[in-house]
């Protein structure tokens, strides 16, 4: 057997997340903020932060107050961010960040993650179904019985090396937890919305987690070394190692043999998952089943490439090699009484489900295929492209930030000009309104102020004046009504108007009647008789005062008629 290097292409089939570890998760109000359905991953090393109030900023970060951070940064959020994503759903939970290269800051699928997924498939193939004698054995003991031990120097996986694969870009994907709900023998599919709240209805928020993912369709190139020559030396040294024939067959068959093992494991897993989701069907589970059918169709009969599940969202069955159970519906059973946390619950009942392109699907399925023609050149070119694209991305980010700042300033100036123009129109209308008010033309004044209000409703000047002018108009209308009623009253003959109660009242009413009817000329013999009759009807005490009211009578009806009236009481 020879040592063989294979250049492979990894193509993402369903959203792929390779976690950078909980310590690197993005915390809301610390590492990221969400605004207008965008997620801004903040970069505190950028110059734009230096102009922000340090005290207020420190308080905002201490309280994880994303609203305060957004208010402090204003239109500089883009300049303050190292990455900006479309937000697939709202959340204030931590976002699971993707593993990145140290120097290029590019998303990377580590060789260790790929090798872990491959190792699970090899375990499934070498070991086969779980045996009765393994019920009480620990997983470490079982693993060592398959792959060997460091003590014996026969660890098989040392002879398969998997390199890192740098990927072009990432996006954010929303995920929900598919869960089983029920008790005893009655279990139903559902979606977990928090705590013990699992219902049949799918909702994108509530106990949801955003993952930074490599999107379906993205590709990267890496290497797999199968060190057959070194393994053959081990076989000569340790001929009694477990599963020797299968291991030698794999090393001799190379990449095609490896793809065959992976495809068999993936096929078995998907078929059991299909039965699981069909059995526990609920809202939108049909989308998951349809995707499973598509993935099954992609597994090639000739093993020219392989379909493999890996990384975040892999789940218990996939990550352990899928060898313990023949099915996922009945065989796992219930957690034992000794497990206090899970007692009474069905085992391995949850699945992490992603929503991508408006469709629910399991995470982490990829294709691995060999680059048959000049793979080394393709690999080196891919690395150069990743470096180049990183430089281009940084240059584009700088240019985008510059354009964003220019656009923000242009919008600010435009808004300022619009505001000033509006203020000018507003002030002109209010000046007209005040002129109408000075002339007591209340309707015109109010109409102009209302026009101004449409332009700048946030101003309060028009509000106060409209209220004031509306009140003055009401007062004036009341006064006009009183005057109109008064004028109507004095149109009647004086005899009907006079209601004698005192001499002062009679003289005052007569004076008003004369004024309302055009002056002294309106007073004649009928009016003199009416005035005489009114005075005569007064009590004697009042009637005797008439001589002392001569000046008041002259002002009311003139000297001639006063003398005539007084002569009647002589």
Protein backbone atom coordinates (compact mmCIF):
# COMPACT_ATOMS: atom_id res chain seq x y z
CA UNK A 1 0.00 0.00 0.00
CA UNK A 2 1.19 3.52 -0.83
CA UNK A 3 0.72 6.76 0.98
CA UNK A 4 -1.85 8.74 -1.00
CA UNK A 5 -2.92 12.37 -0.95
CA UNK A 6 -6.38 13.20 -2.30
CA UNK A 7 -7.54 16.69 -3.15
CA UNK A 8 -11.22 17.02 -2.36
CA UNK A 9 -13.98 19.55 -2.88
CA UNK A 10 -16.51 20.11 -0.11
CA UNK A 11 -19.92 21.37 -1.26
CA UNK A 12 -22.52 22.42 1.31
CA UNK A 13 -25.98 20.89 0.85
CA UNK A 14 -27.78 22.17 3.95
CA UNK A 15 -26.71 25.03 6.26
CA UNK A 16 -23.36 24.09 7.75
CA UNK A 17 -22.31 25.41 11.16
CA UNK A 18 -18.92 24.70 12.73
CA UNK A 19 -18.97 26.27 16.16
CA UNK A 20 -16.06 28.38 17.33
CA UNK A 21 -16.93 27.50 20.96
CA UNK A 22 -19.27 29.11 23.48
CA UNK A 23 -16.61 31.64 24.46
CA UNK A 24 -16.75 33.03 20.92
CA UNK A 25 -20.55 33.28 20.66
CA UNK A 26 -21.78 36.76 19.82
CA UNK A 27 -23.67 38.30 22.76
CA UNK A 28 -26.49 40.77 22.09
CA UNK A 29 -25.58 44.28 23.25
CA UNK A 30 -21.90 43.33 23.55
CA UNK A 31 -20.73 41.67 20.34
CA UNK A 32 -23.68 42.50 18.11
CA UNK A 33 -26.75 44.69 17.77
CA UNK A 34 -29.82 44.15 15.60
CA UNK A 35 -31.47 47.02 13.73
CA UNK A 36 -33.87 47.11 10.77
CA UNK A 37 -33.52 43.34 10.20
CA UNK A 38 -29.73 43.62 10.03
CA UNK A 39 -27.23 42.12 12.48
CA UNK A 40 -24.13 44.24 13.04
CA UNK A 41 -21.11 42.34 14.41
CA UNK A 42 -19.19 45.05 16.23
CA UNK A 43 -15.44 45.63 15.94
CA UNK A 44 -14.16 47.67 18.88
CA UNK A 45 -10.77 48.18 17.19
CA UNK A 46 -12.21 50.54 14.60
CA UNK A 47 -11.46 54.25 14.75
CA UNK A 48 -15.12 55.23 14.69
CA UNK A 49 -15.53 54.19 18.35
CA UNK A 50 -13.02 56.80 19.55
CA UNK A 51 -15.50 59.66 19.11
CA UNK A 52 -18.17 58.05 21.32
CA UNK A 53 -18.83 59.08 24.94
CA UNK A 54 -16.77 56.50 26.86
CA UNK A 55 -18.88 56.62 30.02
CA UNK A 56 -22.19 56.12 28.24
CA UNK A 57 -20.68 53.42 26.02
CA UNK A 58 -19.28 51.54 29.03
CA UNK A 59 -22.69 51.66 30.71
CA UNK A 60 -24.38 50.40 27.53
CA UNK A 61 -22.00 47.43 27.23
CA UNK A 62 -22.22 46.66 30.96
CA UNK A 63 -26.01 46.44 30.65
CA UNK A 64 -25.91 44.66 27.25
CA UNK A 65 -28.15 47.53 26.09
CA UNK A 66 -28.21 47.28 22.30
CA UNK A 67 -30.68 50.18 21.98
CA UNK A 68 -28.27 52.48 23.82
CA UNK A 69 -25.38 51.35 21.57
CA UNK A 70 -27.48 51.97 18.45
CA UNK A 71 -28.43 55.45 19.69
CA UNK A 72 -24.80 56.28 20.51
CA UNK A 73 -23.50 55.15 17.11
CA UNK A 74 -26.32 56.65 15.04
CA UNK A 75 -25.54 56.30 11.33
CA UNK A 76 -22.03 54.95 12.03
CA UNK A 77 -23.07 51.37 12.77
CA UNK A 78 -21.75 50.08 9.44
CA UNK A 79 -18.38 51.72 10.04
CA UNK A 80 -18.27 50.18 13.53
CA UNK A 81 -18.96 46.62 12.31
CA UNK A 82 -16.63 43.91 11.07
CA UNK A 83 -19.52 42.00 9.50
CA UNK A 84 -23.14 42.77 8.64
CA UNK A 85 -25.72 40.02 8.09
CA UNK A 86 -29.37 39.91 7.10
CA UNK A 87 -31.33 38.82 10.19
CA UNK A 88 -33.43 35.72 9.41
CA UNK A 89 -35.42 36.16 12.66
CA UNK A 90 -35.46 38.40 15.71
CA UNK A 91 -33.53 37.36 18.81
CA UNK A 92 -31.63 38.70 21.78
CA UNK A 93 -29.96 35.33 22.41
CA UNK A 94 -26.30 34.62 21.72
CA UNK A 95 -25.50 33.93 18.06
CA UNK A 96 -23.35 30.85 17.38
CA UNK A 97 -20.27 32.04 15.50
CA UNK A 98 -18.52 29.97 12.80
CA UNK A 99 -14.91 28.83 13.16
CA UNK A 100 -12.49 31.19 11.37
CA UNK A 101 -8.88 31.19 10.26
CA UNK A 102 -6.55 33.15 12.50
CA UNK A 103 -4.85 35.22 9.81
CA UNK A 104 -7.33 35.57 6.95
CA UNK A 105 -10.40 35.70 9.21
CA UNK A 106 -12.20 33.43 6.77
CA UNK A 107 -14.73 30.73 7.69
CA UNK A 108 -12.98 27.37 7.92
CA UNK A 109 -14.18 23.80 8.25
CA UNK A 110 -11.44 22.35 10.48
CA UNK A 111 -9.90 19.06 9.48
CA UNK A 112 -10.67 17.82 13.00
CA UNK A 113 -14.41 18.36 12.43
CA UNK A 114 -14.30 16.54 9.10
CA UNK A 115 -12.24 13.73 10.57
CA UNK A 116 -14.66 13.41 13.50
CA UNK A 117 -17.57 12.93 11.12
CA UNK A 118 -15.57 10.43 9.04
CA UNK A 119 -14.52 8.58 12.21
CA UNK A 120 -18.20 8.13 13.20
CA UNK A 121 -18.93 6.56 9.81
CA UNK A 122 -15.90 4.24 10.12
CA UNK A 123 -17.03 3.15 13.58
CA UNK A 124 -20.46 2.30 12.19
CA UNK A 125 -18.95 0.23 9.41
CA UNK A 126 -16.26 -1.56 11.43
CA UNK A 127 -18.27 -2.30 14.52
CA UNK A 128 -21.76 -2.85 13.18
CA UNK A 129 -24.89 -2.94 15.41
CA UNK A 130 -24.61 -2.78 19.17
CA UNK A 131 -24.16 -6.16 20.83
CA UNK A 132 -25.70 -7.49 24.02
CA UNK A 133 -22.31 -7.87 25.72
CA UNK A 134 -21.68 -4.12 25.31
CA UNK A 135 -24.65 -2.91 27.34
CA UNK A 136 -22.53 -2.18 30.41
CA UNK A 137 -19.37 -1.00 28.65
CA UNK A 138 -18.36 2.65 28.52
CA UNK A 139 -18.11 4.43 25.16
CA UNK A 140 -14.33 4.83 25.61
CA UNK A 141 -13.87 1.10 26.02
CA UNK A 142 -15.96 0.40 22.93
CA UNK A 143 -14.09 3.02 20.89
CA UNK A 144 -10.70 1.62 21.88
CA UNK A 145 -11.88 -1.87 20.99
CA UNK A 146 -12.54 -0.62 17.44
CA UNK A 147 -9.78 1.90 16.73
CA UNK A 148 -7.00 0.76 19.07
CA UNK A 149 -5.16 2.49 21.89
CA UNK A 150 -2.23 4.82 22.27
CA UNK A 151 -0.70 2.35 24.71
CA UNK A 152 -0.62 -0.41 22.10
CA UNK A 153 0.37 2.07 19.38
CA UNK A 154 -2.34 0.79 17.01
CA UNK A 155 -4.71 3.82 16.82
CA UNK A 156 -6.06 3.44 13.29
CA UNK A 157 -7.22 7.02 12.75
CA UNK A 158 -3.59 8.22 12.88
CA UNK A 159 -3.28 6.97 9.32
CA UNK A 160 -6.04 9.22 7.93
CA UNK A 161 -5.17 12.91 7.89
CA UNK A 162 -7.76 15.55 6.99
CA UNK A 163 -6.82 19.17 6.28
CA UNK A 164 -8.75 22.34 6.99
CA UNK A 165 -11.05 23.68 4.26
CA UNK A 166 -11.39 27.44 3.92
CA UNK A 167 -14.85 28.55 2.75
CA UNK A 168 -15.81 31.77 0.91
CA UNK A 169 -18.47 33.32 3.10
CA UNK A 170 -21.18 32.88 5.74
CA UNK A 171 -24.73 33.96 6.48
CA UNK A 172 -27.05 33.79 9.50
CA UNK A 173 -29.60 30.98 9.70
CA UNK A 174 -32.44 30.63 12.19
CA UNK A 175 -32.87 27.28 13.94
CA UNK A 176 -35.59 25.71 16.05
CA UNK A 177 -35.69 22.58 18.18
CA UNK A 178 -37.96 19.78 16.97
CA UNK A 179 -39.02 17.92 20.09
CA UNK A 180 -41.31 15.09 21.19
CA UNK A 181 -44.09 15.85 23.66
CA UNK A 182 -46.22 13.40 25.62
CA UNK A 183 -45.77 10.64 28.17
CA UNK A 184 -45.82 6.87 28.50
CA UNK A 185 -46.40 5.34 25.07
CA UNK A 186 -48.08 8.43 23.63
CA UNK A 187 -45.60 10.80 22.02
CA UNK A 188 -46.19 13.49 19.39
CA UNK A 189 -43.96 15.72 17.32
CA UNK A 190 -43.76 19.39 18.22
CA UNK A 191 -41.69 22.57 18.22
CA UNK A 192 -40.08 23.79 21.41
CA UNK A 193 -40.79 27.43 22.29
CA UNK A 194 -39.16 27.47 25.71
CA UNK A 195 -39.08 25.50 28.97
CA UNK A 196 -41.85 22.90 28.86
CA UNK A 197 -43.65 24.77 26.09
CA UNK A 198 -43.64 22.39 23.10
CA UNK A 199 -46.57 22.72 20.68
CA UNK A 200 -47.58 21.36 17.28
CA UNK A 201 -47.38 24.78 15.62
CA UNK A 202 -44.10 26.02 14.16
CA UNK A 203 -43.07 29.57 15.11
CA UNK A 204 -39.77 31.08 13.97
CA UNK A 205 -39.13 32.84 17.30
CA UNK A 206 -39.23 31.62 20.88
CA UNK A 207 -36.38 29.32 21.94
CA UNK A 208 -34.75 29.93 18.56
CA UNK A 209 -31.01 30.22 17.94
CA UNK A 210 -29.21 32.01 15.11
CA UNK A 211 -26.17 30.22 13.68
CA UNK A 212 -23.48 31.67 11.47
CA UNK A 213 -23.47 29.14 8.64
CA UNK A 214 -21.92 28.40 5.29
CA UNK A 215 -24.89 28.48 2.95
CA UNK A 216 -25.92 25.64 0.61
CA UNK A 217 -24.02 25.80 -2.69
CA UNK A 218 -20.79 27.18 -1.18
CA UNK A 219 -17.63 25.18 -1.98
CA UNK A 220 -14.13 24.80 -0.62
CA UNK A 221 -11.10 22.62 -1.39
CA UNK A 222 -8.97 20.57 1.00
CA UNK A 223 -6.89 17.42 1.29
CA UNK A 224 -7.25 13.91 2.75
CA UNK A 225 -4.12 11.82 3.24
CA UNK A 226 -4.49 8.07 3.58
CA UNK A 227 -1.10 6.86 4.83
CA UNK A 228 -1.27 3.30 3.54
CA UNK A 229 2.45 2.61 3.59
CA UNK A 230 2.81 3.49 7.28
CA UNK A 231 -0.31 1.49 8.11
CA UNK A 232 1.13 -1.59 6.37
CA UNK A 233 4.13 -1.36 8.67
CA UNK A 234 1.75 -1.27 11.66
CA UNK A 235 -0.04 -4.35 10.35
CA UNK A 236 3.27 -6.22 10.26
CA UNK A 237 4.01 -5.12 13.81
CA UNK A 238 0.52 -5.61 15.28
CA UNK A 239 -1.21 -8.32 13.19
CA UNK A 240 -3.80 -9.00 15.87
CA UNK A 241 -5.48 -5.60 15.83
CA UNK A 242 -9.29 -5.50 15.73
CA UNK A 243 -11.08 -5.37 12.38
CA UNK A 244 -7.79 -5.73 10.52
CA UNK A 245 -9.36 -6.95 7.28
CA UNK A 246 -11.81 -4.04 7.09
CA UNK A 247 -9.12 -1.50 7.86
CA UNK A 248 -6.73 -2.92 5.25
CA UNK A 249 -9.55 -3.05 2.70
CA UNK A 250 -10.24 0.64 3.34
CA UNK A 251 -6.61 1.69 3.05
CA UNK A 252 -6.19 -0.33 -0.16
CA UNK A 253 -9.42 0.98 -1.67
CA UNK A 254 -8.50 4.58 -0.93
CA UNK A 255 -10.97 7.43 -1.31
CA UNK A 256 -13.61 5.39 -3.17
CA UNK A 257 -13.70 2.85 -0.34
CA UNK A 258 -13.97 5.67 2.19
CA UNK A 259 -16.83 7.26 0.22
CA UNK A 260 -18.60 3.87 0.11
CA UNK A 261 -18.52 3.59 3.91
CA UNK A 262 -19.71 7.19 4.38
CA UNK A 263 -22.54 6.79 1.89
CA UNK A 264 -23.78 3.58 3.54
CA UNK A 265 -23.80 5.27 6.95
CA UNK A 266 -25.55 8.39 5.63
CA UNK A 267 -28.15 6.31 3.79
CA UNK A 268 -28.99 4.27 6.90
CA UNK A 269 -29.18 7.40 9.01
CA UNK A 270 -31.43 9.30 6.58
CA UNK A 271 -33.80 6.36 6.16
CA UNK A 272 -34.24 6.06 9.93
CA UNK A 273 -34.64 9.83 10.25
CA UNK A 274 -37.29 9.75 7.53
CA UNK A 275 -39.31 7.16 9.49
CA UNK A 276 -38.84 9.22 12.68
CA UNK A 277 -40.21 12.44 11.15
CA UNK A 278 -42.99 10.63 9.29
CA UNK A 279 -44.05 8.91 12.53
CA UNK A 280 -43.99 12.11 14.57
CA UNK A 281 -45.31 14.39 11.84
CA UNK A 282 -46.48 17.88 12.78
CA UNK A 283 -46.56 21.41 11.39
CA UNK A 284 -44.06 21.84 8.49
CA UNK A 285 -42.34 18.48 9.07
CA UNK A 286 -43.23 17.56 5.46
CA UNK A 287 -40.54 20.04 4.37
CA UNK A 288 -37.92 18.11 6.39
CA UNK A 289 -39.04 14.79 4.89
CA UNK A 290 -38.89 16.23 1.35
CA UNK A 291 -35.31 17.39 1.98
CA UNK A 292 -34.37 13.95 3.32
CA UNK A 293 -35.72 12.42 0.09
CA UNK A 294 -33.62 14.85 -1.95
CA UNK A 295 -30.49 13.96 0.03
CA UNK A 296 -31.15 10.23 -0.41
CA UNK A 297 -31.42 10.78 -4.17
CA UNK A 298 -28.04 12.53 -4.16
CA UNK A 299 -26.17 9.51 -2.74
CA UNK A 300 -24.44 7.97 -5.79
CA UNK A 301 -24.62 4.26 -6.54
CA UNK A 302 -20.98 4.20 -7.74
CA UNK A 303 -19.57 6.04 -4.69
CA UNK A 304 -17.90 8.56 -6.98
CA UNK A 305 -18.51 11.05 -4.18
CA UNK A 306 -20.13 10.89 -0.76
CA UNK A 307 -22.90 12.64 1.17
CA UNK A 308 -22.04 13.13 4.83
CA UNK A 309 -23.60 14.78 7.88
CA UNK A 310 -21.37 16.71 10.24
CA UNK A 311 -20.91 19.51 12.75
CA UNK A 312 -23.47 21.61 14.70
CA UNK A 313 -26.93 20.09 14.70
CA UNK A 314 -25.48 16.63 13.96
CA UNK A 315 -27.51 15.11 16.79
CA UNK A 316 -26.90 12.07 18.99
CA UNK A 317 -27.39 9.37 16.35
CA UNK A 318 -25.21 10.96 13.69
CA UNK A 319 -22.38 12.11 15.93
CA UNK A 320 -22.03 8.66 17.56
CA UNK A 321 -21.90 6.78 14.26
CA UNK A 322 -25.53 5.66 14.20
CA UNK A 323 -24.76 2.10 15.35
CA UNK A 324 -26.78 1.74 18.55
CA UNK A 325 -30.34 1.53 17.20
CA UNK A 326 -32.13 -0.04 14.28
CA UNK A 327 -34.80 2.65 14.44
CA UNK A 328 -35.31 5.98 16.24
CA UNK A 329 -39.01 5.62 17.06
CA UNK A 330 -39.22 2.66 19.44
CA UNK A 331 -35.80 1.24 20.18
CA UNK A 332 -34.20 4.12 22.14
CA UNK A 333 -36.93 3.75 24.79
CA UNK A 334 -37.19 5.91 27.92
CA UNK A 335 -34.55 7.38 30.17
CA UNK A 336 -34.01 5.19 33.27
CA UNK A 337 -35.11 6.16 36.77
CA UNK A 338 -31.49 6.84 37.67
CA UNK A 339 -31.45 9.83 35.31
CA UNK A 340 -33.26 12.35 37.49
CA UNK A 341 -33.21 15.12 34.92
CA UNK A 342 -34.69 13.11 32.03
CA UNK A 343 -36.68 10.45 33.91
CA UNK A 344 -40.05 9.88 32.24
CA UNK A 345 -38.90 11.32 28.90
CA UNK A 346 -38.24 9.58 25.62
CA UNK A 347 -34.54 9.20 24.78
CA UNK A 348 -32.91 11.24 21.99
CA UNK A 349 -36.13 12.96 21.04
CA UNK A 350 -34.82 16.35 19.86
CA UNK A 351 -33.49 17.53 16.48
CA UNK A 352 -31.92 20.89 15.57
CA UNK A 353 -33.72 22.14 12.46
CA UNK A 354 -32.66 25.08 10.28
CA UNK A 355 -34.93 27.34 8.25
CA UNK A 356 -33.14 28.35 5.07
CA UNK A 357 -34.66 29.87 1.95
CA UNK A 358 -38.12 29.58 3.60
CA UNK A 359 -37.71 25.82 3.97
CA UNK A 360 -37.12 23.63 7.04
CA UNK A 361 -34.22 21.17 6.82
CA UNK A 362 -31.63 19.36 8.89
CA UNK A 363 -28.24 20.99 9.26
CA UNK A 364 -24.75 19.99 8.20
CA UNK A 365 -25.07 17.81 5.09
CA UNK A 366 -22.17 18.13 2.65
CA UNK A 367 -20.79 16.44 -0.44
CA UNK A 368 -17.15 15.36 -0.57
CA UNK A 369 -15.77 14.67 -4.05
CA UNK A 370 -12.29 14.15 -5.41
CA UNK A 371 -10.75 16.69 -7.74
CA UNK A 372 -9.54 14.21 -10.32
CA UNK A 373 -7.63 16.57 -12.62
CA UNK A 374 -4.67 18.46 -11.20
CA UNK A 375 -6.11 18.61 -7.71
CA UNK A 376 -2.99 20.19 -6.20
CA UNK A 377 -3.17 23.14 -8.59
CA UNK A 378 -6.88 23.57 -7.86
CA UNK A 379 -6.17 23.45 -4.12
CA UNK A 380 -3.43 26.08 -4.29
CA UNK A 381 -5.54 28.26 -6.56
CA UNK A 382 -8.44 28.03 -4.09
CA UNK A 383 -6.20 29.17 -1.24
CA UNK A 384 -4.99 32.10 -3.32
CA UNK A 385 -8.57 33.00 -4.21
CA UNK A 386 -9.50 32.96 -0.56
CA UNK A 387 -6.61 35.32 0.21
CA UNK A 388 -7.48 37.52 -2.73
CA UNK A 389 -11.17 37.57 -1.93
CA UNK A 390 -10.31 38.48 1.67
CA UNK A 391 -8.26 41.46 0.45
CA UNK A 392 -11.06 42.39 -1.91
CA UNK A 393 -13.61 42.06 0.87
CA UNK A 394 -11.59 44.32 3.14
CA UNK A 395 -11.14 46.86 0.37
CA UNK A 396 -14.82 46.60 -0.45
CA UNK A 397 -15.68 47.02 3.22
CA UNK A 398 -13.57 50.18 3.45
CA UNK A 399 -15.10 51.51 0.24
CA UNK A 400 -18.60 50.58 1.41
CA UNK A 401 -17.99 52.34 4.72
CA UNK A 402 -16.76 55.44 2.89
CA UNK A 403 -19.76 55.44 0.57
CA UNK A 404 -22.09 54.79 3.48
CA UNK A 405 -20.62 57.77 5.36
CA UNK A 406 -20.93 59.97 2.26
CA UNK A 407 -24.48 58.80 1.68
CA UNK A 408 -25.36 59.37 5.32
CA UNK A 409 -23.94 62.91 5.15
CA UNK A 410 -25.78 63.55 1.88
CA UNK A 411 -29.03 62.35 3.44
CA UNK A 412 -28.36 64.47 6.52
CA UNK A 413 -27.80 67.60 4.43
CA UNK A 414 -30.81 66.80 2.28
CA UNK A 415 -32.97 66.31 5.34
CA UNK A 416 -31.60 69.52 6.85
CA UNK A 417 -32.41 71.45 3.65
CA UNK A 418 -35.90 69.97 3.59
CA UNK A 419 -36.39 70.87 7.22
CA UNK A 420 -35.25 74.45 6.69
CA UNK A 421 -37.56 74.78 3.67
CA UNK A 422 -40.44 73.42 5.73
CA UNK A 423 -39.61 75.76 8.59
CA UNK A 424 -39.65 78.71 6.15
CA UNK A 425 -43.07 77.72 4.80
CA UNK A 426 -44.29 77.07 8.32
CA UNK A 427 -43.16 80.47 9.58
CA UNK A 428 -44.71 82.24 6.53
CA UNK A 429 -48.05 80.53 7.11
CA UNK A 430 -47.98 81.36 10.81
CA UNK A 431 -47.21 85.01 10.01
CA UNK A 432 -50.29 85.12 7.76
CA UNK A 433 -52.33 83.38 10.43
CA UNK A 434 -51.34 85.97 13.06
CA UNK A 435 -52.22 88.84 10.67
CA UNK A 436 -55.70 87.38 10.21
CA UNK A 437 -55.99 86.96 13.96
CA UNK A 438 -55.04 90.62 14.52
CA UNK A 439 -57.92 91.51 12.21
CA UNK A 440 -60.13 89.13 14.19
CA UNK A 441 -60.63 86.97 11.09
CA UNK A 442 -60.57 83.80 13.14
CA UNK A 443 -61.55 81.28 10.44
CA UNK A 444 -58.80 82.49 8.11
CA UNK A 445 -56.28 82.53 10.96
CA UNK A 446 -57.16 78.99 12.04
CA UNK A 447 -57.07 77.70 8.42
CA UNK A 448 -53.56 79.07 7.87
CA UNK A 449 -52.33 77.61 11.17
CA UNK A 450 -53.77 74.23 10.19
CA UNK A 451 -51.88 74.39 6.89
CA UNK A 452 -48.71 75.01 8.90
CA UNK A 453 -49.54 72.04 11.15
CA UNK A 454 -49.61 69.68 8.16
CA UNK A 455 -46.05 70.74 7.27
CA UNK A 456 -44.59 70.43 10.78
CA UNK A 457 -46.96 68.64 13.15
CA UNK A 458 -44.24 68.33 15.79
CA UNK A 459 -44.16 72.09 16.38
CA UNK A 460 -46.36 73.36 19.22
CA UNK A 461 -46.77 77.03 18.26
CA UNK A 462 -49.74 76.37 15.97
CA UNK A 463 -51.38 74.12 18.59
CA UNK A 464 -51.48 76.86 21.25
CA UNK A 465 -52.62 79.57 18.81
CA UNK A 466 -55.33 77.41 17.19
CA UNK A 467 -56.73 76.64 20.65
CA UNK A 468 -56.59 80.32 21.62
CA UNK A 469 -58.17 81.53 18.39
CA UNK A 470 -60.87 78.88 18.56
CA UNK A 471 -61.80 80.10 22.06
CA UNK A 472 -61.79 83.77 20.97
CA UNK A 473 -63.96 82.91 17.98
CA UNK A 474 -66.43 81.15 20.28
CA UNK A 475 -66.53 84.15 22.64
CA UNK A 476 -67.09 86.54 19.74
CA UNK A 477 -69.85 84.37 18.35
CA UNK A 478 -71.54 84.31 21.76
CA UNK A 479 -71.31 88.10 21.93
CA UNK A 480 -72.76 88.40 18.44
CA UNK A 481 -75.62 86.15 19.42
CA UNK A 482 -76.34 88.34 22.47
CA UNK A 483 -76.23 91.48 20.33
CA UNK A 484 -78.46 89.91 17.72
CA UNK A 485 -80.99 88.92 20.36
CA UNK A 486 -80.75 92.41 21.87
CA UNK A 487 -81.26 94.05 18.47
CA UNK A 488 -84.25 91.84 17.80
CA UNK A 489 -85.73 92.73 21.14
CA UNK A 490 -85.54 96.50 20.50
CA UNK A 491 -87.23 96.25 17.11
CA UNK A 492 -90.58 96.01 18.93
CA UNK A 493 -92.54 99.18 19.91
CA UNK A 494 -91.27 100.85 23.05
CA UNK A 495 -94.49 100.01 24.87
CA UNK A 496 -93.73 96.30 24.42
CA UNK A 497 -90.07 96.63 25.31
CA UNK A 498 -90.55 98.47 28.59
CA UNK A 499 -90.93 96.19 31.57
CA UNK A 500 -91.06 98.69 34.44
CA UNK A 501 -89.44 97.58 37.67
CA UNK A 502 -87.73 100.81 38.67
CA UNK A 503 -87.35 104.33 37.30
CA UNK A 504 -83.70 103.67 36.44
CA UNK A 505 -84.69 100.58 34.50
CA UNK A 506 -87.36 102.43 32.54
CA UNK A 507 -85.01 105.29 31.59
CA UNK A 508 -82.16 102.88 30.71
CA UNK A 509 -84.36 100.72 28.52
CA UNK A 510 -85.77 103.76 26.76
CA UNK A 511 -82.27 105.06 26.07
CA UNK A 512 -81.25 101.69 24.54
CA UNK A 513 -84.43 101.60 22.42
CA UNK A 514 -83.69 105.08 21.05
CA UNK A 515 -80.07 104.13 20.24
CA UNK A 516 -81.10 100.84 18.55
CA UNK A 517 -83.70 102.60 16.45
CA UNK A 518 -81.62 105.43 14.99
CA UNK A 519 -81.61 108.14 17.66
CA UNK A 520 -83.94 110.89 18.96
CA UNK A 521 -85.77 111.14 15.66
CA UNK A 522 -87.26 107.69 16.29
CA UNK A 523 -88.93 108.98 19.46
CA UNK A 524 -92.42 110.40 19.01
CA UNK A 525 -95.85 110.70 20.53
CA UNK A 526 -96.46 106.93 20.81
CA UNK A 527 -93.16 106.53 22.60
CA UNK A 528 -93.87 109.45 24.90
CA UNK A 529 -97.17 107.85 25.85
CA UNK A 530 -95.46 104.47 26.42
CA UNK A 531 -92.84 106.11 28.62
CA UNK A 532 -95.51 108.00 30.57
CA UNK A 533 -97.52 104.81 31.09
CA UNK A 534 -94.43 102.91 32.27
CA UNK A 535 -93.46 105.60 34.79
CA UNK A 536 -97.05 105.90 35.94
CA UNK A 537 -97.15 102.20 36.71
CA UNK A 538 -94.27 102.45 39.09
CA UNK A 539 -94.77 102.69 42.85
CA UNK A 540 -95.31 106.21 44.10
CA UNK A 541 -91.90 106.31 45.73
CA UNK A 542 -90.19 105.56 42.41
CA UNK A 543 -92.46 107.85 40.43
CA UNK A 544 -91.59 110.85 42.63
CA UNK A 545 -87.89 110.50 41.65
CA UNK A 546 -88.53 111.54 38.04
CA UNK A 547 -87.78 115.22 38.66
CA UNK A 548 -84.28 114.31 39.80
CA UNK A 549 -83.68 112.29 36.64
CA UNK A 550 -84.01 115.24 34.26
CA UNK A 551 -80.39 115.04 32.99
CA UNK A 552 -80.67 111.27 32.44
CA UNK A 553 -83.92 111.78 30.51
CA UNK A 554 -82.38 114.47 28.31
CA UNK A 555 -79.54 112.04 27.43
CA UNK A 556 -82.08 109.37 26.59
CA UNK A 557 -84.84 111.24 24.67
CA UNK A 558 -83.66 114.84 24.30
CA UNK A 559 -84.71 118.04 26.04
CA UNK A 560 -87.99 118.54 24.14
CA UNK A 561 -89.47 115.19 25.01
CA UNK A 562 -88.09 115.37 28.53
CA UNK A 563 -89.93 118.63 29.19
CA UNK A 564 -93.13 117.18 27.75
CA UNK A 565 -92.84 114.10 29.96
CA UNK A 566 -92.10 116.08 33.11
CA UNK A 567 -95.02 118.40 32.39
CA UNK A 568 -97.31 115.36 32.53
CA UNK A 569 -96.21 114.74 36.12
CA UNK A 570 -96.30 118.39 37.20
